[in-house]
Amino acid sequence: MSRGGRGCFITLEGIEGAGKSTQQTYLADYLRARGREVVVTREPGGTALGERVRAIFLDPALPDTGADSELLLIYAARAQHLHELILPSLARGAVVLCDRFEDSTYAYQGGGRGVPAARIEVLSNWLLQGLQPDLTLWLDVEPELGLARACRRSTQDRLEQETVAFFTRARAVFAARAAASPARIVRIDADADREQVSRQLLAAVQERLRL
């Protein structure tokens, strides 16, 4: 899939409690201060359709949603996200910062839920046609610590109610994908405090993309 333009696609990945939303805001502020147009988005979400899918996807009142149903919901939202927001933003030269993308699907639905990677690849190849982020920042946190952080929130969504074992499996997939794609995925030690994590992110962006 050709995206044209001179934009830059950066994704932030990691299990719950890794601090992705906080660091996404920090990075957006940094890039905007340097004159870049920045589009901040998330998955599922980013569009009217995507946000409706997100509400269903994370609804704790729907605990029995099947793994295949989850997968198809994600790709329905992603298709609209690409068409409506991501590709047009990249085509006009913007920096797109996306909280979760394809790596999370392999980690959560693949590692966490046990959906075969080959099944995910069929949908991925059909929809993305080779599109990859320019840089993926993997905020790696110990599952126990991540869940403890997530539990400090007032209410937990359907994924935040998952077990440590689920997130341990998801984390292992993130690690395997990082090992297989070192030019794209940079591991960030998210066990550290917020300021230290921000410094790691900034160093990775400056080194890899010179933004």
C-alpha atoms as a PDB file:
ATOM      1  CA  MET A   1       0.000   0.000   0.000  1.00  0.00           C
ATOM      2  CA  SER A   2       1.627   3.239  -1.086  1.00  0.00           C
ATOM      3  CA  ARG A   3       0.999   6.119   1.263  1.00  0.00           C
ATOM      4  CA  GLY A   4       2.663   8.861  -0.781  1.00  0.00           C
ATOM      5  CA  GLY A   5       3.775  12.188   0.711  1.00  0.00           C
ATOM      6  CA  ARG A   6       6.503  12.634   3.265  1.00  0.00           C
ATOM      7  CA  GLY A   7       4.620  11.903   6.441  1.00  0.00           C
ATOM      8  CA  CYS A   8       5.838   9.746   9.314  1.00  0.00           C
ATOM      9  CA  PHE A   9       3.915   6.924  10.966  1.00  0.00           C
ATOM     10  CA  ILE A  10       4.844   6.204  14.602  1.00  0.00           C
ATOM     11  CA  THR A  11       3.042   3.635  16.735  1.00  0.00           C
ATOM     12  CA  LEU A  12       3.165   3.112  20.488  1.00  0.00           C
ATOM     13  CA  GLU A  13       2.674  -0.436  21.732  1.00  0.00           C
ATOM     14  CA  GLY A  14       2.597  -2.305  25.010  1.00  0.00           C
ATOM     15  CA  ILE A  15       0.351  -4.029  27.507  1.00  0.00           C
ATOM     16  CA  GLU A  16      -2.033  -2.246  29.864  1.00  0.00           C
ATOM     17  CA  GLY A  17      -0.389   0.153  32.287  1.00  0.00           C
ATOM     18  CA  ALA A  18       2.665   0.769  30.109  1.00  0.00           C
ATOM     19  CA  GLY A  19       1.937   4.512  29.916  1.00  0.00           C
ATOM     20  CA  LYS A  20       1.326   4.779  26.176  1.00  0.00           C
ATOM     21  CA  SER A  21      -1.264   7.559  26.375  1.00  0.00           C
ATOM     22  CA  THR A  22       0.930   9.737  28.590  1.00  0.00           C
ATOM     23  CA  GLN A  23       3.976   9.296  26.386  1.00  0.00           C
ATOM     24  CA  GLN A  24       1.943   9.829  23.201  1.00  0.00           C
ATOM     25  CA  THR A  25       0.917  13.261  24.550  1.00  0.00           C
ATOM     26  CA  TYR A  26       4.525  14.062  25.478  1.00  0.00           C
ATOM     27  CA  LEU A  27       5.805  13.126  22.020  1.00  0.00           C
ATOM     28  CA  ALA A  28       3.029  15.057  20.276  1.00  0.00           C
ATOM     29  CA  ASP A  29       3.863  18.196  22.254  1.00  0.00           C
ATOM     30  CA  TYR A  30       7.557  17.792  21.456  1.00  0.00           C
ATOM     31  CA  LEU A  31       6.954  17.453  17.710  1.00  0.00           C
ATOM     32  CA  ARG A  32       4.420  20.282  17.526  1.00  0.00           C
ATOM     33  CA  ALA A  33       6.876  22.587  19.282  1.00  0.00           C
ATOM     34  CA  ARG A  34       9.202  21.893  16.353  1.00  0.00           C
ATOM     35  CA  GLY A  35       6.655  22.888  13.773  1.00  0.00           C
ATOM     36  CA  ARG A  36       5.362  19.483  12.721  1.00  0.00           C
ATOM     37  CA  GLU A  37       1.722  18.737  12.090  1.00  0.00           C
ATOM     38  CA  VAL A  38       0.885  15.874  14.432  1.00  0.00           C
ATOM     39  CA  VAL A  39      -2.188  13.637  14.271  1.00  0.00           C
ATOM     40  CA  VAL A  40      -2.841  11.804  17.542  1.00  0.00           C
ATOM     41  CA  THR A  41      -5.032   8.737  17.244  1.00  0.00           C
ATOM     42  CA  ARG A  42      -5.645   5.292  18.700  1.00  0.00           C
ATOM     43  CA  GLU A  43      -6.897   1.786  17.959  1.00  0.00           C
ATOM     44  CA  PRO A  44      -9.553   0.720  18.050  1.00  0.00           C
ATOM     45  CA  GLY A  45     -10.776   4.241  17.377  1.00  0.00           C
ATOM     46  CA  GLY A  46      -9.675   7.301  15.480  1.00  0.00           C
ATOM     47  CA  THR A  47     -12.907   7.674  13.515  1.00  0.00           C
ATOM     48  CA  ALA A  48     -16.610   7.787  14.381  1.00  0.00           C
ATOM     49  CA  LEU A  49     -16.968   4.140  13.369  1.00  0.00           C
ATOM     50  CA  GLY A  50     -13.763   3.169  15.171  1.00  0.00           C
ATOM     51  CA  GLU A  51     -14.808   4.800  18.430  1.00  0.00           C
ATOM     52  CA  ARG A  52     -18.114   2.939  18.345  1.00  0.00           C
ATOM     53  CA  VAL A  53     -16.240  -0.313  17.800  1.00  0.00           C
ATOM     54  CA  ARG A  54     -13.940   0.604  20.687  1.00  0.00           C
ATOM     55  CA  ALA A  55     -16.900   1.058  23.026  1.00  0.00           C
ATOM     56  CA  ILE A  56     -18.120  -2.434  22.146  1.00  0.00           C
ATOM     57  CA  PHE A  57     -14.649  -3.952  22.236  1.00  0.00           C
ATOM     58  CA  LEU A  58     -13.833  -2.689  25.743  1.00  0.00           C
ATOM     59  CA  ASP A  59     -17.300  -3.011  27.288  1.00  0.00           C
ATOM     60  CA  PRO A  60     -16.974  -5.085  30.495  1.00  0.00           C
ATOM     61  CA  ALA A  61     -20.630  -6.030  30.104  1.00  0.00           C
ATOM     62  CA  LEU A  62     -19.599  -8.196  27.133  1.00  0.00           C
ATOM     63  CA  PRO A  63     -17.141 -10.609  28.770  1.00  0.00           C
ATOM     64  CA  ASP A  64     -17.918 -13.502  26.448  1.00  0.00           C
ATOM     65  CA  THR A  65     -16.983 -11.812  23.181  1.00  0.00           C
ATOM     66  CA  GLY A  66     -15.174 -14.492  21.150  1.00  0.00           C
ATOM     67  CA  ALA A  67     -11.597 -14.173  19.922  1.00  0.00           C
ATOM     68  CA  ASP A  68     -12.636 -14.271  16.257  1.00  0.00           C
ATOM     69  CA  SER A  69     -15.293 -11.620  16.871  1.00  0.00           C
ATOM     70  CA  GLU A  70     -12.655  -9.425  18.521  1.00  0.00           C
ATOM     71  CA  LEU A  71     -10.325  -9.871  15.575  1.00  0.00           C
ATOM     72  CA  LEU A  72     -12.943  -8.950  13.002  1.00  0.00           C
ATOM     73  CA  LEU A  73     -14.052  -5.913  15.002  1.00  0.00           C
ATOM     74  CA  ILE A  74     -10.459  -4.680  15.108  1.00  0.00           C
ATOM     75  CA  TYR A  75      -9.952  -5.023  11.371  1.00  0.00           C
ATOM     76  CA  ALA A  76     -13.271  -3.367  10.575  1.00  0.00           C
ATOM     77  CA  ALA A  77     -12.209  -0.380  12.668  1.00  0.00           C
ATOM     78  CA  ARG A  78      -8.678  -0.438  11.215  1.00  0.00           C
ATOM     79  CA  ALA A  79      -9.932  -0.417   7.634  1.00  0.00           C
ATOM     80  CA  GLN A  80     -11.920   2.757   8.302  1.00  0.00           C
ATOM     81  CA  HIS A  81      -9.052   4.258  10.307  1.00  0.00           C
ATOM     82  CA  LEU A  82      -6.621   3.822   7.425  1.00  0.00           C
ATOM     83  CA  HIS A  83      -9.018   5.101   4.776  1.00  0.00           C
ATOM     84  CA  GLU A  84     -10.374   8.075   6.698  1.00  0.00           C
ATOM     85  CA  LEU A  85      -7.481   9.278   8.840  1.00  0.00           C
ATOM     86  CA  ILE A  86      -4.087   7.591   8.701  1.00  0.00           C
ATOM     87  CA  LEU A  87      -3.373   7.487   4.965  1.00  0.00           C
ATOM     88  CA  PRO A  88      -4.724  10.990   4.192  1.00  0.00           C
ATOM     89  CA  SER A  89      -2.685  12.427   7.088  1.00  0.00           C
ATOM     90  CA  LEU A  90       0.513  10.752   5.909  1.00  0.00           C
ATOM     91  CA  ALA A  91      -0.137  11.857   2.322  1.00  0.00           C
ATOM     92  CA  ARG A  92      -0.145  15.517   3.338  1.00  0.00           C
ATOM     93  CA  GLY A  93       3.087  15.120   5.334  1.00  0.00           C
ATOM     94  CA  ALA A  94       1.814  14.865   8.913  1.00  0.00           C
ATOM     95  CA  VAL A  95       3.330  12.814  11.711  1.00  0.00           C
ATOM     96  CA  VAL A  96       0.762  10.229  12.807  1.00  0.00           C
ATOM     97  CA  LEU A  97       1.117   9.004  16.402  1.00  0.00           C
ATOM     98  CA  CYS A  98      -1.071   5.956  16.913  1.00  0.00           C
ATOM     99  CA  ASP A  99      -1.693   4.286  20.275  1.00  0.00           C
ATOM    100  CA  ARG A 100      -1.719   0.611  19.192  1.00  0.00           C
ATOM    101  CA  PHE A 101      -1.684  -0.836  15.693  1.00  0.00           C
ATOM    102  CA  GLU A 102      -0.887  -4.175  14.094  1.00  0.00           C
ATOM    103  CA  ASP A 103       1.571  -5.398  16.740  1.00  0.00           C
ATOM    104  CA  SER A 104      -1.137  -5.233  19.395  1.00  0.00           C
ATOM    105  CA  THR A 105      -3.380  -7.451  17.297  1.00  0.00           C
ATOM    106  CA  TYR A 106      -0.716 -10.159  17.116  1.00  0.00           C
ATOM    107  CA  ALA A 107       0.048  -9.736  20.841  1.00  0.00           C
ATOM    108  CA  TYR A 108      -3.486  -9.606  22.225  1.00  0.00           C
ATOM    109  CA  GLN A 109      -5.578 -11.648  19.823  1.00  0.00           C
ATOM    110  CA  GLY A 110      -2.679 -13.910  18.852  1.00  0.00           C
ATOM    111  CA  GLY A 111      -0.687 -14.316  22.061  1.00  0.00           C
ATOM    112  CA  GLY A 112      -3.388 -13.454  24.558  1.00  0.00           C
ATOM    113  CA  ARG A 113      -6.392 -15.124  22.929  1.00  0.00           C
ATOM    114  CA  GLY A 114      -4.597 -17.833  20.985  1.00  0.00           C
ATOM    115  CA  VAL A 115      -5.771 -16.876  17.488  1.00  0.00           C
ATOM    116  CA  PRO A 116      -3.310 -18.473  15.019  1.00  0.00           C
ATOM    117  CA  ALA A 117      -0.888 -15.944  13.554  1.00  0.00           C
ATOM    118  CA  ALA A 118      -1.652 -17.265  10.078  1.00  0.00           C
ATOM    119  CA  ARG A 119      -5.281 -16.213  10.474  1.00  0.00           C
ATOM    120  CA  ILE A 120      -4.244 -12.702  11.491  1.00  0.00           C
ATOM    121  CA  GLU A 121      -1.800 -12.532   8.576  1.00  0.00           C
ATOM    122  CA  VAL A 122      -4.598 -13.138   6.064  1.00  0.00           C
ATOM    123  CA  LEU A 123      -6.446 -10.049   7.262  1.00  0.00           C
ATOM    124  CA  SER A 124      -3.251  -8.052   7.691  1.00  0.00           C
ATOM    125  CA  ASN A 125      -1.957  -8.758   4.186  1.00  0.00           C
ATOM    126  CA  TRP A 126      -5.339  -8.037   2.632  1.00  0.00           C
ATOM    127  CA  LEU A 127      -5.836  -4.726   4.420  1.00  0.00           C
ATOM    128  CA  LEU A 128      -2.352  -3.257   4.844  1.00  0.00           C
ATOM    129  CA  GLN A 129      -0.730  -4.420   1.606  1.00  0.00           C
ATOM    130  CA  GLY A 130       2.746  -3.933   3.064  1.00  0.00           C
ATOM    131  CA  LEU A 131       2.144  -0.726   5.032  1.00  0.00           C
ATOM    132  CA  GLN A 132       4.324  -0.612   8.152  1.00  0.00           C
ATOM    133  CA  PRO A 133       4.982   2.097  10.745  1.00  0.00           C
ATOM    134  CA  ASP A 134       8.229   3.989  10.259  1.00  0.00           C
ATOM    135  CA  LEU A 135       8.922   3.482  13.951  1.00  0.00           C
ATOM    136  CA  THR A 136       7.250   1.454  16.696  1.00  0.00           C
ATOM    137  CA  LEU A 137       7.950   2.373  20.313  1.00  0.00           C
ATOM    138  CA  TRP A 138       7.311  -0.703  22.445  1.00  0.00           C
ATOM    139  CA  LEU A 139       6.766   0.373  26.044  1.00  0.00           C
ATOM    140  CA  ASP A 140       7.712  -2.816  27.859  1.00  0.00           C
ATOM    141  CA  VAL A 141       6.442  -3.214  31.409  1.00  0.00           C
ATOM    142  CA  GLU A 142       6.252  -6.191  33.749  1.00  0.00           C
ATOM    143  CA  PRO A 143       2.654  -7.493  33.622  1.00  0.00           C
ATOM    144  CA  GLU A 144       2.197  -7.300  37.395  1.00  0.00           C
ATOM    145  CA  LEU A 145       3.326  -3.665  37.450  1.00  0.00           C
ATOM    146  CA  GLY A 146       1.253  -2.748  34.413  1.00  0.00           C
ATOM    147  CA  LEU A 147      -1.895  -4.263  35.908  1.00  0.00           C
ATOM    148  CA  ALA A 148      -1.254  -2.537  39.237  1.00  0.00           C
ATOM    149  CA  ARG A 149      -1.083   0.794  37.411  1.00  0.00           C
ATOM    150  CA  ALA A 150      -4.215   0.015  35.405  1.00  0.00           C
ATOM    151  CA  CYS A 151      -6.112  -0.927  38.554  1.00  0.00           C
ATOM    152  CA  ARG A 152      -5.554   2.558  39.973  1.00  0.00           C
ATOM    153  CA  ARG A 153      -8.067   3.867  37.463  1.00  0.00           C
ATOM    154  CA  SER A 154     -11.635   4.315  38.657  1.00  0.00           C
ATOM    155  CA  THR A 155     -13.034   1.543  36.470  1.00  0.00           C
ATOM    156  CA  GLN A 156     -11.408  -1.277  34.505  1.00  0.00           C
ATOM    157  CA  ASP A 157     -12.442  -2.035  30.936  1.00  0.00           C
ATOM    158  CA  ARG A 158     -12.848  -5.557  29.579  1.00  0.00           C
ATOM    159  CA  LEU A 159      -9.157  -5.969  28.703  1.00  0.00           C
ATOM    160  CA  GLU A 160      -7.881  -4.482  31.945  1.00  0.00           C
ATOM    161  CA  GLN A 161      -9.799  -7.233  33.742  1.00  0.00           C
ATOM    162  CA  GLU A 162      -7.705  -9.919  32.058  1.00  0.00           C
ATOM    163  CA  THR A 163      -5.254 -12.087  33.993  1.00  0.00           C
ATOM    164  CA  VAL A 164      -1.511 -11.706  34.437  1.00  0.00           C
ATOM    165  CA  ALA A 165      -1.112 -14.852  32.322  1.00  0.00           C
ATOM    166  CA  PHE A 166      -2.931 -13.174  29.421  1.00  0.00           C
ATOM    167  CA  PHE A 167      -0.607 -10.169  29.506  1.00  0.00           C
ATOM    168  CA  THR A 168       2.454 -12.362  29.963  1.00  0.00           C
ATOM    169  CA  ARG A 169       1.560 -14.145  26.705  1.00  0.00           C
ATOM    170  CA  ALA A 170       0.927 -10.811  24.980  1.00  0.00           C
ATOM    171  CA  ARG A 171       4.238  -9.425  26.199  1.00  0.00           C
ATOM    172  CA  ALA A 172       6.070 -12.468  24.832  1.00  0.00           C
ATOM    173  CA  VAL A 173       4.645 -11.764  21.375  1.00  0.00           C
ATOM    174  CA  PHE A 174       5.707  -8.118  21.556  1.00  0.00           C
ATOM    175  CA  ALA A 175       9.211  -9.308  22.463  1.00  0.00           C
ATOM    176  CA  ALA A 176       9.311 -11.792  19.593  1.00  0.00           C
ATOM    177  CA  ARG A 177       8.157  -9.179  17.094  1.00  0.00           C
ATOM    178  CA  ALA A 178      10.736  -6.697  18.380  1.00  0.00           C
ATOM    179  CA  ALA A 179      13.477  -9.303  17.959  1.00  0.00           C
ATOM    180  CA  ALA A 180      12.301 -10.007  14.406  1.00  0.00           C
ATOM    181  CA  SER A 181      12.038  -6.317  13.400  1.00  0.00           C
ATOM    182  CA  PRO A 182      14.830  -4.419  15.206  1.00  0.00           C
ATOM    183  CA  ALA A 183      14.960  -1.707  12.539  1.00  0.00           C
ATOM    184  CA  ARG A 184      11.333  -0.780  13.224  1.00  0.00           C
ATOM    185  CA  ILE A 185      10.627  -1.665  16.857  1.00  0.00           C
ATOM    186  CA  VAL A 186      12.506  -0.021  19.716  1.00  0.00           C
ATOM    187  CA  ARG A 187      12.055  -1.395  23.226  1.00  0.00           C
ATOM    188  CA  ILE A 188      11.445   1.250  25.877  1.00  0.00           C
ATOM    189  CA  ASP A 189      11.868   0.283  29.525  1.00  0.00           C
ATOM    190  CA  ALA A 190       8.459   1.323  30.840  1.00  0.00           C
ATOM    191  CA  ASP A 191       9.120  -0.011  34.343  1.00  0.00           C
ATOM    192  CA  ALA A 192      11.022   3.263  34.831  1.00  0.00           C
ATOM    193  CA  ASP A 193       9.441   6.515  35.991  1.00  0.00           C
ATOM    194  CA  ARG A 194       7.632   8.817  33.556  1.00  0.00           C
ATOM    195  CA  GLU A 195      10.539  11.183  32.957  1.00  0.00           C
ATOM    196  CA  GLN A 196      12.977   8.365  32.228  1.00  0.00           C
ATOM    197  CA  VAL A 197      10.522   6.785  29.792  1.00  0.00           C
ATOM    198  CA  SER A 198      10.078  10.138  28.025  1.00  0.00           C
ATOM    199  CA  ARG A 199      13.833  10.476  27.620  1.00  0.00           C
ATOM    200  CA  GLN A 200      14.056   7.010  26.093  1.00  0.00           C
ATOM    201  CA  LEU A 201      11.248   7.793  23.642  1.00  0.00           C
ATOM    202  CA  LEU A 202      12.801  11.062  22.607  1.00  0.00           C
ATOM    203  CA  ALA A 203      16.203   9.458  22.078  1.00  0.00           C
ATOM    204  CA  ALA A 204      14.660   6.768  19.873  1.00  0.00           C
ATOM    205  CA  VAL A 205      12.761   9.282  17.753  1.00  0.00           C
ATOM    206  CA  GLN A 206      15.791  11.518  17.342  1.00  0.00           C
ATOM    207  CA  GLU A 207      18.111   8.635  16.485  1.00  0.00           C
ATOM    208  CA  ARG A 208      15.822   6.677  14.154  1.00  0.00           C
ATOM    209  CA  LEU A 209      13.851   9.427  12.445  1.00  0.00           C
ATOM    210  CA  ARG A 210      15.729  12.676  13.155  1.00  0.00           C
ATOM    211  CA  LEU A 211      12.477  14.494  13.917  1.00  0.00           C
END
